[in-house]
Amino acid sequence: MKYDNRLSSRQRGYNSNWEKVRKMKLNADPLCEQCKSRDKVTGAVLVHHINSNPRDNRAANLMSVCRPCHDVLHSSRHGCDINGNPLDPNHPWNLEGGAC
């Protein structure tokens, strides 16, 4: 997914310290927390900042997620319903088998 008009990752605060925090979070929570909340088992590959502040690396502000869930979290066209299910009909959760 392309994010237009964004600063580079370094400019947004993703540096070597972030890489350490990211690795620690993925080691602590290796499964996608979004999928897990819906009884799906999917490996996490990204760490999402819940409040969108890349400098707030407190554990309470971080969520391990798979790429499809991360894309939905950042999508301006799609989101989740009140139950946390992706609205995007092409999200793997909504495809046959529900594999994320």
PDB file of N, CA and C in Angstrom:
ATOM      1  N   MET A   1       0.843  -1.169   0.000  1.00  0.00           N
ATOM      2  CA  MET A   1       0.000   0.000   0.000  1.00  0.00           C
ATOM      3  C   MET A   1       0.891   1.235   0.000  1.00  0.00           C
ATOM      4  N   LYS A   2       0.614   2.194  -0.830  1.00  0.00           N
ATOM      5  CA  LYS A   2       1.415   3.397  -0.937  1.00  0.00           C
ATOM      6  C   LYS A   2       0.774   4.510  -0.123  1.00  0.00           C
ATOM      7  N   TYR A   3       1.588   5.172   0.672  1.00  0.00           N
ATOM      8  CA  TYR A   3       1.113   6.299   1.461  1.00  0.00           C
ATOM      9  C   TYR A   3       1.678   7.566   0.840  1.00  0.00           C
ATOM     10  N   ASP A   4       0.843   8.349   0.199  1.00  0.00           N
ATOM     11  CA  ASP A   4       1.286   9.566  -0.472  1.00  0.00           C
ATOM     12  C   ASP A   4       1.598  10.670   0.530  1.00  0.00           C
ATOM     13  N   ASN A   5       2.507  11.551   0.114  1.00  0.00           N
ATOM     14  CA  ASN A   5       2.834  12.752   0.888  1.00  0.00           C
ATOM     15  C   ASN A   5       3.344  12.450   2.295  1.00  0.00           C
ATOM     16  N   ARG A   6       4.052  11.364   2.459  1.00  0.00           N
ATOM     17  CA  ARG A   6       4.589  11.032   3.773  1.00  0.00           C
ATOM     18  C   ARG A   6       6.077  11.277   3.806  1.00  0.00           C
ATOM     19  N   LEU A   7       6.563  11.624   4.975  1.00  0.00           N
ATOM     20  CA  LEU A   7       7.992  11.754   5.183  1.00  0.00           C
ATOM     21  C   LEU A   7       8.615  10.367   5.115  1.00  0.00           C
ATOM     22  N   SER A   8       9.929  10.326   4.963  1.00  0.00           N
ATOM     23  CA  SER A   8      10.597   9.029   4.951  1.00  0.00           C
ATOM     24  C   SER A   8      10.468   8.388   6.333  1.00  0.00           C
ATOM     25  N   SER A   9      10.699   7.091   6.391  1.00  0.00           N
ATOM     26  CA  SER A   9      10.584   6.394   7.679  1.00  0.00           C
ATOM     27  C   SER A   9      11.556   6.976   8.708  1.00  0.00           C
ATOM     28  N   ARG A  10      12.751   7.315   8.296  1.00  0.00           N
ATOM     29  CA  ARG A  10      13.732   7.929   9.208  1.00  0.00           C
ATOM     30  C   ARG A  10      13.224   9.273   9.723  1.00  0.00           C
ATOM     31  N   GLN A  11      12.643  10.072   8.829  1.00  0.00           N
ATOM     32  CA  GLN A  11      12.106  11.374   9.222  1.00  0.00           C
ATOM     33  C   GLN A  11      10.927  11.235  10.186  1.00  0.00           C
ATOM     34  N   ARG A  12      10.218  10.123  10.105  1.00  0.00           N
ATOM     35  CA  ARG A  12       9.078   9.885  10.993  1.00  0.00           C
ATOM     36  C   ARG A  12       9.499   9.243  12.311  1.00  0.00           C
ATOM     37  N   GLY A  13      10.794   9.001  12.506  1.00  0.00           N
ATOM     38  CA  GLY A  13      11.278   8.498  13.787  1.00  0.00           C
ATOM     39  C   GLY A  13      11.628   7.027  13.838  1.00  0.00           C
ATOM     40  N   TYR A  14      11.609   6.354  12.704  1.00  0.00           N
ATOM     41  CA  TYR A  14      11.953   4.928  12.672  1.00  0.00           C
ATOM     42  C   TYR A  14      13.445   4.781  12.441  1.00  0.00           C
ATOM     43  N   ASN A  15      14.187   4.577  13.538  1.00  0.00           N
ATOM     44  CA  ASN A  15      15.640   4.519  13.485  1.00  0.00           C
ATOM     45  C   ASN A  15      16.126   3.195  14.090  1.00  0.00           C
ATOM     46  N   SER A  16      17.403   3.134  14.430  1.00  0.00           N
ATOM     47  CA  SER A  16      17.949   1.893  14.975  1.00  0.00           C
ATOM     48  C   SER A  16      17.300   1.535  16.311  1.00  0.00           C
ATOM     49  N   ASN A  17      16.934   2.529  17.100  1.00  0.00           N
ATOM     50  CA  ASN A  17      16.226   2.249  18.356  1.00  0.00           C
ATOM     51  C   ASN A  17      14.878   1.589  18.059  1.00  0.00           C
ATOM     52  N   TRP A  18      14.180   2.093  17.034  1.00  0.00           N
ATOM     53  CA  TRP A  18      12.901   1.500  16.650  1.00  0.00           C
ATOM     54  C   TRP A  18      13.081   0.048  16.245  1.00  0.00           C
ATOM     55  N   GLU A  19      14.128  -0.253  15.504  1.00  0.00           N
ATOM     56  CA  GLU A  19      14.369  -1.633  15.072  1.00  0.00           C
ATOM     57  C   GLU A  19      14.522  -2.557  16.271  1.00  0.00           C
ATOM     58  N   LYS A  20      15.178  -2.083  17.333  1.00  0.00           N
ATOM     59  CA  LYS A  20      15.321  -2.888  18.552  1.00  0.00           C
ATOM     60  C   LYS A  20      13.958  -3.103  19.211  1.00  0.00           C
ATOM     61  N   VAL A  21      13.170  -2.029  19.322  1.00  0.00           N
ATOM     62  CA  VAL A  21      11.839  -2.113  19.930  1.00  0.00           C
ATOM     63  C   VAL A  21      10.962  -3.053  19.109  1.00  0.00           C
ATOM     64  N   ARG A  22      11.020  -2.913  17.788  1.00  0.00           N
ATOM     65  CA  ARG A  22      10.224  -3.737  16.878  1.00  0.00           C
ATOM     66  C   ARG A  22      10.544  -5.220  17.075  1.00  0.00           C
ATOM     67  N   LYS A  23      11.821  -5.559  17.114  1.00  0.00           N
ATOM     68  CA  LYS A  23      12.229  -6.951  17.297  1.00  0.00           C
ATOM     69  C   LYS A  23      11.772  -7.489  18.648  1.00  0.00           C
ATOM     70  N   MET A  24      11.874  -6.657  19.690  1.00  0.00           N
ATOM     71  CA  MET A  24      11.430  -7.087  21.016  1.00  0.00           C
ATOM     72  C   MET A  24       9.926  -7.359  21.018  1.00  0.00           C
ATOM     73  N   LYS A  25       9.145  -6.490  20.365  1.00  0.00           N
ATOM     74  CA  LYS A  25       7.694  -6.664  20.331  1.00  0.00           C
ATOM     75  C   LYS A  25       7.324  -7.932  19.559  1.00  0.00           C
ATOM     76  N   LEU A  26       7.935  -8.141  18.393  1.00  0.00           N
ATOM     77  CA  LEU A  26       7.624  -9.333  17.599  1.00  0.00           C
ATOM     78  C   LEU A  26       8.055 -10.614  18.308  1.00  0.00           C
ATOM     79  N   ASN A  27       9.138 -10.559  19.076  1.00  0.00           N
ATOM     80  CA  ASN A  27       9.557 -11.723  19.858  1.00  0.00           C
ATOM     81  C   ASN A  27       8.574 -11.991  20.994  1.00  0.00           C
ATOM     82  N   ALA A  28       8.075 -10.926  21.607  1.00  0.00           N
ATOM     83  CA  ALA A  28       7.130 -11.073  22.716  1.00  0.00           C
ATOM     84  C   ALA A  28       5.747 -11.503  22.232  1.00  0.00           C
ATOM     85  N   ASP A  29       5.325 -10.965  21.078  1.00  0.00           N
ATOM     86  CA  ASP A  29       3.998 -11.246  20.518  1.00  0.00           C
ATOM     87  C   ASP A  29       4.143 -11.586  19.037  1.00  0.00           C
ATOM     88  N   PRO A  30       4.503 -12.833  18.719  1.00  0.00           N
ATOM     89  CA  PRO A  30       4.774 -13.198  17.323  1.00  0.00           C
ATOM     90  C   PRO A  30       3.541 -13.402  16.448  1.00  0.00           C
ATOM     91  N   LEU A  31       2.343 -13.394  17.050  1.00  0.00           N
ATOM     92  CA  LEU A  31       1.116 -13.571  16.269  1.00  0.00           C
ATOM     93  C   LEU A  31       0.408 -12.239  16.072  1.00  0.00           C
ATOM     94  N   CYS A  32      -0.289 -12.121  14.946  1.00  0.00           N
ATOM     95  CA  CYS A  32      -1.067 -10.917  14.655  1.00  0.00           C
ATOM     96  C   CYS A  32      -2.144 -10.773  15.729  1.00  0.00           C
ATOM     97  N   GLU A  33      -2.125  -9.647  16.424  1.00  0.00           N
ATOM     98  CA  GLU A  33      -3.077  -9.418  17.509  1.00  0.00           C
ATOM     99  C   GLU A  33      -4.490  -9.167  16.988  1.00  0.00           C
ATOM    100  N   GLN A  34      -4.607  -8.608  15.783  1.00  0.00           N
ATOM    101  CA  GLN A  34      -5.924  -8.398  15.180  1.00  0.00           C
ATOM    102  C   GLN A  34      -6.563  -9.750  14.834  1.00  0.00           C
ATOM    103  N   CYS A  35      -5.813 -10.609  14.164  1.00  0.00           N
ATOM    104  CA  CYS A  35      -6.322 -11.932  13.794  1.00  0.00           C
ATOM    105  C   CYS A  35      -6.604 -12.761  15.039  1.00  0.00           C
ATOM    106  N   LYS A  36      -5.699 -12.701  15.996  1.00  0.00           N
ATOM    107  CA  LYS A  36      -5.833 -13.470  17.234  1.00  0.00           C
ATOM    108  C   LYS A  36      -7.130 -13.107  17.961  1.00  0.00           C
ATOM    109  N   SER A  37      -7.515 -11.836  17.906  1.00  0.00           N
ATOM    110  CA  SER A  37      -8.746 -11.414  18.579  1.00  0.00           C
ATOM    111  C   SER A  37      -9.982 -12.018  17.916  1.00  0.00           C
ATOM    112  N   ARG A  38      -9.801 -12.549  16.686  1.00  0.00           N
ATOM    113  CA  ARG A  38     -10.897 -13.198  15.963  1.00  0.00           C
ATOM    114  C   ARG A  38     -10.649 -14.697  15.827  1.00  0.00           C
ATOM    115  N   ASP A  39      -9.852 -15.229  16.743  1.00  0.00           N
ATOM    116  CA  ASP A  39      -9.541 -16.667  16.793  1.00  0.00           C
ATOM    117  C   ASP A  39      -8.843 -17.177  15.535  1.00  0.00           C
ATOM    118  N   LYS A  40      -8.045 -16.348  14.895  1.00  0.00           N
ATOM    119  CA  LYS A  40      -7.224 -16.747  13.753  1.00  0.00           C
ATOM    120  C   LYS A  40      -5.767 -16.774  14.207  1.00  0.00           C
ATOM    121  N   VAL A  41      -5.000 -17.687  13.677  1.00  0.00           N
ATOM    122  CA  VAL A  41      -3.578 -17.778  14.000  1.00  0.00           C
ATOM    123  C   VAL A  41      -2.795 -17.342  12.766  1.00  0.00           C
ATOM    124  N   THR A  42      -2.179 -16.183  12.857  1.00  0.00           N
ATOM    125  CA  THR A  42      -1.408 -15.614  11.748  1.00  0.00           C
ATOM    126  C   THR A  42      -0.136 -15.006  12.312  1.00  0.00           C
ATOM    127  N   GLY A  43       0.981 -15.277  11.684  1.00  0.00           N
ATOM    128  CA  GLY A  43       2.237 -14.688  12.127  1.00  0.00           C
ATOM    129  C   GLY A  43       2.270 -13.193  11.873  1.00  0.00           C
ATOM    130  N   ALA A  44       2.783 -12.451  12.844  1.00  0.00           N
ATOM    131  CA  ALA A  44       2.932 -11.003  12.704  1.00  0.00           C
ATOM    132  C   ALA A  44       4.267 -10.696  12.027  1.00  0.00           C
ATOM    133  N   VAL A  45       4.257  -9.706  11.162  1.00  0.00           N
ATOM    134  CA  VAL A  45       5.486  -9.285  10.489  1.00  0.00           C
ATOM    135  C   VAL A  45       5.758  -7.797  10.680  1.00  0.00           C
ATOM    136  N   LEU A  46       4.769  -7.082  11.217  1.00  0.00           N
ATOM    137  CA  LEU A  46       4.903  -5.642  11.425  1.00  0.00           C
ATOM    138  C   LEU A  46       4.476  -5.277  12.842  1.00  0.00           C
ATOM    139  N   VAL A  47       4.959  -4.128  13.300  1.00  0.00           N
ATOM    140  CA  VAL A  47       4.522  -3.598  14.590  1.00  0.00           C
ATOM    141  C   VAL A  47       3.833  -2.268  14.316  1.00  0.00           C
ATOM    142  N   HIS A  48       2.602  -2.164  14.765  1.00  0.00           N
ATOM    143  CA  HIS A  48       1.749  -0.998  14.517  1.00  0.00           C
ATOM    144  C   HIS A  48       1.714  -0.114  15.757  1.00  0.00           C
ATOM    145  N   HIS A  49       1.871   1.204  15.554  1.00  0.00           N
ATOM    146  CA  HIS A  49       1.685   2.174  16.633  1.00  0.00           C
ATOM    147  C   HIS A  49       0.191   2.479  16.719  1.00  0.00           C
ATOM    148  N   ILE A  50      -0.409   2.183  17.821  1.00  0.00           N
ATOM    149  CA  ILE A  50      -1.844   2.365  17.986  1.00  0.00           C
ATOM    150  C   ILE A  50      -2.227   3.832  17.887  1.00  0.00           C
ATOM    151  N   ASN A  51      -1.468   4.717  18.525  1.00  0.00           N
ATOM    152  CA  ASN A  51      -1.815   6.133  18.488  1.00  0.00           C
ATOM    153  C   ASN A  51      -1.074   6.916  17.401  1.00  0.00           C
ATOM    154  N   SER A  52      -0.422   6.237  16.495  1.00  0.00           N
ATOM    155  CA  SER A  52       0.246   6.821  15.318  1.00  0.00           C
ATOM    156  C   SER A  52       1.442   7.712  15.633  1.00  0.00           C
ATOM    157  N   ASN A  53       1.931   7.690  16.843  1.00  0.00           N
ATOM    158  CA  ASN A  53       3.116   8.477  17.192  1.00  0.00           C
ATOM    159  C   ASN A  53       4.321   7.548  17.209  1.00  0.00           C
ATOM    160  N   PRO A  54       5.194   7.640  16.198  1.00  0.00           N
ATOM    161  CA  PRO A  54       6.331   6.721  16.121  1.00  0.00           C
ATOM    162  C   PRO A  54       7.339   6.884  17.251  1.00  0.00           C
ATOM    163  N   ARG A  55       7.213   7.931  18.021  1.00  0.00           N
ATOM    164  CA  ARG A  55       8.137   8.116  19.148  1.00  0.00           C
ATOM    165  C   ARG A  55       7.572   7.536  20.442  1.00  0.00           C
ATOM    166  N   ASP A  56       6.318   7.126  20.420  1.00  0.00           N
ATOM    167  CA  ASP A  56       5.691   6.520  21.589  1.00  0.00           C
ATOM    168  C   ASP A  56       5.813   5.006  21.481  1.00  0.00           C
ATOM    169  N   ASN A  57       6.918   4.485  21.981  1.00  0.00           N
ATOM    170  CA  ASN A  57       7.212   3.055  21.858  1.00  0.00           C
ATOM    171  C   ASN A  57       6.901   2.278  23.128  1.00  0.00           C
ATOM    172  N   ARG A  58       5.978   2.796  23.925  1.00  0.00           N
ATOM    173  CA  ARG A  58       5.541   2.047  25.108  1.00  0.00           C
ATOM    174  C   ARG A  58       4.798   0.794  24.645  1.00  0.00           C
ATOM    175  N   ALA A  59       4.936  -0.273  25.402  1.00  0.00           N
ATOM    176  CA  ALA A  59       4.293  -1.542  25.039  1.00  0.00           C
ATOM    177  C   ALA A  59       2.794  -1.372  24.819  1.00  0.00           C
ATOM    178  N   ALA A  60       2.151  -0.523  25.603  1.00  0.00           N
ATOM    179  CA  ALA A  60       0.701  -0.323  25.479  1.00  0.00           C
ATOM    180  C   ALA A  60       0.312   0.342  24.163  1.00  0.00           C
ATOM    181  N   ASN A  61       1.283   0.953  23.470  1.00  0.00           N
ATOM    182  CA  ASN A  61       0.996   1.628  22.204  1.00  0.00           C
ATOM    183  C   ASN A  61       1.402   0.799  20.992  1.00  0.00           C
ATOM    184  N   LEU A  62       1.862  -0.417  21.204  1.00  0.00           N
ATOM    185  CA  LEU A  62       2.340  -1.247  20.102  1.00  0.00           C
ATOM    186  C   LEU A  62       1.472  -2.479  19.914  1.00  0.00           C
ATOM    187  N   MET A  63       1.305  -2.878  18.650  1.00  0.00           N
ATOM    188  CA  MET A  63       0.503  -4.054  18.323  1.00  0.00           C
ATOM    189  C   MET A  63       1.214  -4.828  17.219  1.00  0.00           C
ATOM    190  N   SER A  64       1.447  -6.113  17.443  1.00  0.00           N
ATOM    191  CA  SER A  64       2.007  -6.979  16.400  1.00  0.00           C
ATOM    192  C   SER A  64       0.888  -7.327  15.427  1.00  0.00           C
ATOM    193  N   VAL A  65       1.152  -7.150  14.124  1.00  0.00           N
ATOM    194  CA  VAL A  65       0.117  -7.408  13.120  1.00  0.00           C
ATOM    195  C   VAL A  65       0.707  -8.039  11.860  1.00  0.00           C
ATOM    196  N   CYS A  66      -0.161  -8.715  11.102  1.00  0.00           N
ATOM    197  CA  CYS A  66       0.215  -9.216   9.775  1.00  0.00           C
ATOM    198  C   CYS A  66       0.062  -8.046   8.793  1.00  0.00           C
ATOM    199  N   ARG A  67       0.619  -8.195   7.603  1.00  0.00           N
ATOM    200  CA  ARG A  67       0.552  -7.106   6.627  1.00  0.00           C
ATOM    201  C   ARG A  67      -0.891  -6.748   6.234  1.00  0.00           C
ATOM    202  N   PRO A  68      -1.765  -7.721   5.938  1.00  0.00           N
ATOM    203  CA  PRO A  68      -3.144  -7.338   5.575  1.00  0.00           C
ATOM    204  C   PRO A  68      -3.844  -6.540   6.675  1.00  0.00           C
ATOM    205  N   CYS A  69      -3.675  -6.945   7.923  1.00  0.00           N
ATOM    206  CA  CYS A  69      -4.315  -6.186   9.005  1.00  0.00           C
ATOM    207  C   CYS A  69      -3.692  -4.800   9.142  1.00  0.00           C
ATOM    208  N   HIS A  70      -2.378  -4.707   8.963  1.00  0.00           N
ATOM    209  CA  HIS A  70      -1.714  -3.404   9.026  1.00  0.00           C
ATOM    210  C   HIS A  70      -2.238  -2.491   7.929  1.00  0.00           C
ATOM    211  N   ASP A  71      -2.398  -3.035   6.725  1.00  0.00           N
ATOM    212  CA  ASP A  71      -2.909  -2.226   5.623  1.00  0.00           C
ATOM    213  C   ASP A  71      -4.321  -1.734   5.908  1.00  0.00           C
ATOM    214  N   VAL A  72      -5.144  -2.567   6.499  1.00  0.00           N
ATOM    215  CA  VAL A  72      -6.503  -2.148   6.842  1.00  0.00           C
ATOM    216  C   VAL A  72      -6.459  -1.064   7.916  1.00  0.00           C
ATOM    217  N   LEU A  73      -5.583  -1.219   8.894  1.00  0.00           N
ATOM    218  CA  LEU A  73      -5.475  -0.216   9.951  1.00  0.00           C
ATOM    219  C   LEU A  73      -5.081   1.144   9.394  1.00  0.00           C
ATOM    220  N   HIS A  74      -4.305   1.149   8.309  1.00  0.00           N
ATOM    221  CA  HIS A  74      -3.834   2.407   7.727  1.00  0.00           C
ATOM    222  C   HIS A  74      -4.651   2.867   6.526  1.00  0.00           C
ATOM    223  N   SER A  75      -5.613   2.117   6.133  1.00  0.00           N
ATOM    224  CA  SER A  75      -6.393   2.461   4.950  1.00  0.00           C
ATOM    225  C   SER A  75      -7.378   3.583   5.246  1.00  0.00           C
ATOM    226  N   SER A  76      -7.396   4.576   4.377  1.00  0.00           N
ATOM    227  CA  SER A  76      -8.371   5.666   4.534  1.00  0.00           C
ATOM    228  C   SER A  76      -9.690   5.298   3.876  1.00  0.00           C
ATOM    229  N   ARG A  77      -9.672   4.296   3.000  1.00  0.00           N
ATOM    230  CA  ARG A  77     -10.894   3.897   2.292  1.00  0.00           C
ATOM    231  C   ARG A  77     -11.656   2.818   3.039  1.00  0.00           C
ATOM    232  N   HIS A  78     -10.958   2.083   3.852  1.00  0.00           N
ATOM    233  CA  HIS A  78     -11.570   0.956   4.539  1.00  0.00           C
ATOM    234  C   HIS A  78     -11.264   1.058   6.020  1.00  0.00           C
ATOM    235  N   GLY A  79     -11.926   0.321   6.770  1.00  0.00           N
ATOM    236  CA  GLY A  79     -11.705   0.276   8.200  1.00  0.00           C
ATOM    237  C   GLY A  79     -12.289  -1.010   8.730  1.00  0.00           C
ATOM    238  N   CYS A  80     -12.701  -0.959   9.953  1.00  0.00           N
ATOM    239  CA  CYS A  80     -13.292  -2.130  10.586  1.00  0.00           C
ATOM    240  C   CYS A  80     -14.685  -1.785  11.083  1.00  0.00           C
ATOM    241  N   ASP A  81     -15.519  -2.796  11.141  1.00  0.00           N
ATOM    242  CA  ASP A  81     -16.849  -2.585  11.692  1.00  0.00           C
ATOM    243  C   ASP A  81     -16.760  -2.555  13.219  1.00  0.00           C
ATOM    244  N   ILE A  82     -17.885  -2.422  13.885  1.00  0.00           N
ATOM    245  CA  ILE A  82     -17.872  -2.299  15.340  1.00  0.00           C
ATOM    246  C   ILE A  82     -17.361  -3.553  16.041  1.00  0.00           C
ATOM    247  N   ASN A  83     -17.305  -4.663  15.334  1.00  0.00           N
ATOM    248  CA  ASN A  83     -16.772  -5.911  15.896  1.00  0.00           C
ATOM    249  C   ASN A  83     -15.293  -6.110  15.583  1.00  0.00           C
ATOM    250  N   GLY A  84     -14.693  -5.151  14.860  1.00  0.00           N
ATOM    251  CA  GLY A  84     -13.285  -5.266  14.499  1.00  0.00           C
ATOM    252  C   GLY A  84     -13.032  -6.045  13.233  1.00  0.00           C
ATOM    253  N   ASN A  85     -14.082  -6.406  12.499  1.00  0.00           N
ATOM    254  CA  ASN A  85     -13.918  -7.140  11.246  1.00  0.00           C
ATOM    255  C   ASN A  85     -13.648  -6.166  10.105  1.00  0.00           C
ATOM    256  N   PRO A  86     -12.690  -6.464   9.226  1.00  0.00           N
ATOM    257  CA  PRO A  86     -12.359  -5.575   8.116  1.00  0.00           C
ATOM    258  C   PRO A  86     -13.544  -5.358   7.177  1.00  0.00           C
ATOM    259  N   LEU A  87     -13.736  -4.111   6.769  1.00  0.00           N
ATOM    260  CA  LEU A  87     -14.797  -3.779   5.821  1.00  0.00           C
ATOM    261  C   LEU A  87     -14.380  -4.074   4.383  1.00  0.00           C
ATOM    262  N   ASP A  88     -13.085  -4.105   4.124  1.00  0.00           N
ATOM    263  CA  ASP A  88     -12.572  -4.355   2.784  1.00  0.00           C
ATOM    264  C   ASP A  88     -12.953  -5.764   2.338  1.00  0.00           C
ATOM    265  N   PRO A  89     -13.751  -5.899   1.280  1.00  0.00           N
ATOM    266  CA  PRO A  89     -14.151  -7.233   0.838  1.00  0.00           C
ATOM    267  C   PRO A  89     -12.981  -8.072   0.341  1.00  0.00           C
ATOM    268  N   ASN A  90     -11.859  -7.441  -0.006  1.00  0.00           N
ATOM    269  CA  ASN A  90     -10.686  -8.173  -0.487  1.00  0.00           C
ATOM    270  C   ASN A  90      -9.696  -8.503   0.620  1.00  0.00           C
ATOM    271  N   HIS A  91      -9.997  -8.097   1.841  1.00  0.00           N
ATOM    272  CA  HIS A  91      -9.118  -8.439   2.957  1.00  0.00           C
ATOM    273  C   HIS A  91      -9.166  -9.958   3.128  1.00  0.00           C
ATOM    274  N   PRO A  92      -8.021 -10.598   3.370  1.00  0.00           N
ATOM    275  CA  PRO A  92      -8.004 -12.056   3.506  1.00  0.00           C
ATOM    276  C   PRO A  92      -9.004 -12.592   4.529  1.00  0.00           C
ATOM    277  N   TRP A  93      -9.311 -11.807   5.536  1.00  0.00           N
ATOM    278  CA  TRP A  93     -10.284 -12.234   6.535  1.00  0.00           C
ATOM    279  C   TRP A  93     -11.646 -12.479   5.898  1.00  0.00           C
ATOM    280  N   ASN A  94     -11.982 -11.683   4.852  1.00  0.00           N
ATOM    281  CA  ASN A  94     -13.287 -11.787   4.216  1.00  0.00           C
ATOM    282  C   ASN A  94     -13.313 -12.745   3.024  1.00  0.00           C
ATOM    283  N   LEU A  95     -12.173 -13.268   2.648  1.00  0.00           N
ATOM    284  CA  LEU A  95     -12.128 -14.210   1.529  1.00  0.00           C
ATOM    285  C   LEU A  95     -12.448 -15.608   2.030  1.00  0.00           C
ATOM    286  N   GLU A  96     -12.762 -16.484   1.113  1.00  0.00           N
ATOM    287  CA  GLU A  96     -13.113 -17.857   1.468  1.00  0.00           C
ATOM    288  C   GLU A  96     -12.024 -18.464   2.361  1.00  0.00           C
ATOM    289  N   GLY A  97     -12.430 -19.034   3.448  1.00  0.00           N
ATOM    290  CA  GLY A  97     -11.499 -19.642   4.383  1.00  0.00           C
ATOM    291  C   GLY A  97     -11.049 -18.673   5.465  1.00  0.00           C
ATOM    292  N   GLY A  98     -11.176 -17.378   5.219  1.00  0.00           N
ATOM    293  CA  GLY A  98     -10.826 -16.384   6.225  1.00  0.00           C
ATOM    294  C   GLY A  98      -9.379 -16.361   6.619  1.00  0.00           C
ATOM    295  N   ALA A  99      -8.496 -16.868   5.767  1.00  0.00           N
ATOM    296  CA  ALA A  99      -7.071 -16.889   6.122  1.00  0.00           C
ATOM    297  C   ALA A  99      -6.489 -15.503   6.001  1.00  0.00           C
ATOM    298  N   CYS A 100      -5.871 -15.072   7.033  1.00  0.00           N
ATOM    299  CA  CYS A 100      -5.224 -13.759   7.048  1.00  0.00           C
ATOM    300  C   CYS A 100      -3.737 -13.947   6.853  1.00  0.00           C
TER     301      CYS A 100
END
